[in-house]
Protein backbone atom coordinates (compact mmCIF):
# COMPACT_ATOMS: atom_id res chain seq x y z
CA MET A 1 0.59 22.37 -3.87
CA ASN A 2 -1.95 22.36 -1.06
CA PRO A 3 -0.95 22.31 2.65
CA LEU A 4 -1.51 18.57 2.96
CA GLU A 5 0.78 17.89 0.01
CA TYR A 6 3.46 20.08 1.62
CA TRP A 7 3.30 18.04 4.81
CA LEU A 8 3.24 14.70 3.02
CA THR A 9 6.25 15.67 0.94
CA PHE A 10 8.03 16.87 4.07
CA MET A 11 7.31 13.63 5.95
CA LYS A 12 8.35 11.51 3.00
CA ASN A 13 11.68 13.31 2.50
CA ALA A 14 12.65 14.54 5.98
CA HIS A 15 14.93 11.58 6.67
CA LYS A 16 16.55 11.46 3.22
CA SER A 17 19.91 13.09 2.74
CA ASP A 18 19.28 13.61 -1.00
CA GLY A 19 15.98 15.41 -0.35
CA LYS A 20 17.53 18.45 1.37
CA ASP A 21 17.09 20.76 -1.66
CA LEU A 22 13.41 19.91 -1.91
CA LEU A 23 12.97 20.42 1.83
CA GLN A 24 14.68 23.83 1.65
CA LYS A 25 12.20 24.90 -1.06
CA LEU A 26 9.27 23.65 1.01
CA MET A 27 10.50 25.35 4.17
CA GLY A 28 10.79 28.61 2.25
CA ARG A 29 7.10 28.41 1.38
CA LYS A 30 5.70 27.19 4.69
CA GLU A 31 7.03 28.50 8.01
CA GLU A 32 5.49 25.56 9.87
CA LEU A 33 7.66 23.14 7.89
CA ALA A 34 10.79 25.10 8.84
CA MET A 35 9.76 24.87 12.50
CA ALA A 36 9.09 21.15 12.14
CA MET A 37 12.50 20.62 10.52
CA ASP A 38 14.24 22.54 13.31
CA MET A 39 12.45 20.43 15.90
CA LEU A 40 13.27 17.22 14.04
CA GLU A 41 16.96 18.13 13.85
CA GLU A 42 16.97 19.05 17.54
CA ILE A 43 15.39 15.75 18.54
CA SER A 44 17.69 13.80 16.24
CA ALA A 45 20.76 15.48 17.72
CA ASP A 46 19.84 14.67 21.31
CA GLU A 47 19.91 10.94 21.99
CA ARG A 48 17.87 11.25 25.19
CA LEU A 49 15.10 13.20 23.42
CA ARG A 50 15.12 10.70 20.57
CA GLN A 51 14.71 7.85 23.02
CA LYS A 52 11.83 9.67 24.74
CA ALA A 53 10.15 10.32 21.39
CA TYR A 54 10.59 6.66 20.47
CA ALA A 55 9.18 5.54 23.84
CA ARG A 56 6.15 7.85 23.44
CA GLU A 57 5.47 6.52 19.96
CA LYS A 58 5.85 2.93 21.13
CA ALA A 59 3.47 3.56 24.04
CA ARG A 60 0.95 5.16 21.68
CA LEU A 61 1.10 2.22 19.27
CA ASP A 62 0.88 -0.28 22.15
CA ALA A 63 -2.25 1.46 23.46
CA ILE A 64 -3.84 1.35 20.01
CA SER A 65 -2.97 -2.34 19.73
CA ARG A 66 -4.49 -3.13 23.15
CA ILE A 67 -7.68 -1.29 22.25
CA LYS A 68 -8.01 -3.09 18.91
CA CYS A 69 -7.38 -6.45 20.57
CA ALA A 70 -10.02 -5.74 23.23
CA GLU A 71 -12.49 -4.66 20.55
CA LEU A 72 -11.92 -7.87 18.59
CA LYS A 73 -12.30 -10.02 21.70
CA GLY A 74 -15.49 -8.17 22.64
CA MET A 75 -16.96 -8.58 19.17
CA GLU A 76 -16.10 -12.29 19.14
CA LYS A 77 -17.62 -12.80 22.59
CA GLY A 78 -20.77 -10.94 21.51
CA LYS A 79 -21.01 -13.07 18.38
CA VAL A 80 -20.81 -16.31 20.40
CA GLU A 81 -23.31 -15.05 22.98
CA GLY A 82 -25.71 -14.04 20.20
CA LYS A 83 -25.35 -17.44 18.59
CA ALA A 84 -26.04 -19.17 21.92
CA ASP A 85 -29.08 -16.96 22.54
CA LEU A 86 -30.51 -17.73 19.08
CA LEU A 87 -29.86 -21.45 19.53
CA ILE A 88 -31.68 -21.41 22.88
CA LYS A 89 -34.70 -19.80 21.20
CA GLN A 90 -34.63 -22.31 18.35
CA LEU A 91 -34.28 -25.28 20.68
CA SER A 92 -37.11 -23.98 22.88
CA LYS A 93 -39.33 -23.75 19.83
CA ARG A 94 -38.13 -27.15 18.56
CA PHE A 95 -39.17 -28.89 21.77
CA GLY A 96 -42.33 -26.85 22.37
CA ASN A 97 -41.29 -25.44 25.72
CA ARG A 98 -38.57 -23.46 27.36
CA LEU A 99 -35.32 -25.28 27.92
CA PRO A 100 -34.30 -26.01 31.51
CA LYS A 101 -32.19 -23.21 33.02
CA ASP A 102 -29.21 -25.50 33.59
CA LEU A 103 -29.18 -26.45 29.90
CA GLN A 104 -29.46 -22.78 28.91
CA THR A 105 -26.51 -21.98 31.17
CA LEU A 106 -24.46 -24.75 29.56
CA LEU A 107 -25.31 -23.43 26.09
CA MET A 108 -24.38 -19.85 27.07
CA GLY A 109 -20.98 -21.15 28.25
CA ALA A 110 -20.31 -23.31 25.18
CA ASP A 111 -17.68 -22.36 22.64
CA ASP A 112 -18.38 -21.32 19.07
CA ALA A 113 -17.62 -24.71 17.47
CA VAL A 114 -19.95 -26.58 19.83
CA LEU A 115 -22.77 -24.12 19.15
CA ASP A 116 -22.23 -24.56 15.41
CA THR A 117 -22.42 -28.34 15.76
CA ILE A 118 -25.63 -28.18 17.78
CA GLY A 119 -27.11 -25.77 15.25
CA GLU A 120 -26.27 -28.17 12.43
CA GLU A 121 -27.78 -31.13 14.30
CA ILE A 122 -30.88 -29.33 15.59
CA PHE A 123 -33.31 -31.28 13.39
CA ASP A 124 -31.86 -34.64 14.48
CA LEU A 125 -32.31 -33.95 18.20
CA GLN A 126 -35.25 -35.83 19.73
CA THR A 127 -35.19 -34.47 23.29
CA PRO A 128 -33.44 -31.69 25.17
CA ASP A 129 -31.25 -34.36 26.76
CA ASP A 130 -29.75 -35.10 23.31
CA ILE A 131 -28.07 -31.69 23.49
CA LEU A 132 -25.97 -32.84 26.43
CA LYS A 133 -23.90 -35.19 24.25
CA PHE A 134 -22.48 -32.11 22.51
CA LEU A 135 -21.82 -30.21 25.73
CA ASN A 136 -19.86 -32.90 27.58
């Protein structure tokens, strides 16, 4: 058994009452596992330490969750901004000139569904003013 397998077996069986024999064998082979078991028993015996360990783990998981949520929001915002930027370029080419700044600003502030709709209707638009019906 390699060191990783020792630790995985330890983690899998540390809380089981019927796994004590296996844990004793593992702890006899790896001193680190014996130290980990002593620490686990100490923490489990002290309610205050257990609560602190629980609070630390909860804080760690909450931080990970906040980071993932922020990453997803950032990626979604970037996707919408990229879509708006591409649509501005396509509409500028469609009408043979650059779009007015106020229209570009409205497009940059539009939500994803509106940008999709304008993109689908791009060939039916006759003038830049036709875009406004989707933005109001």
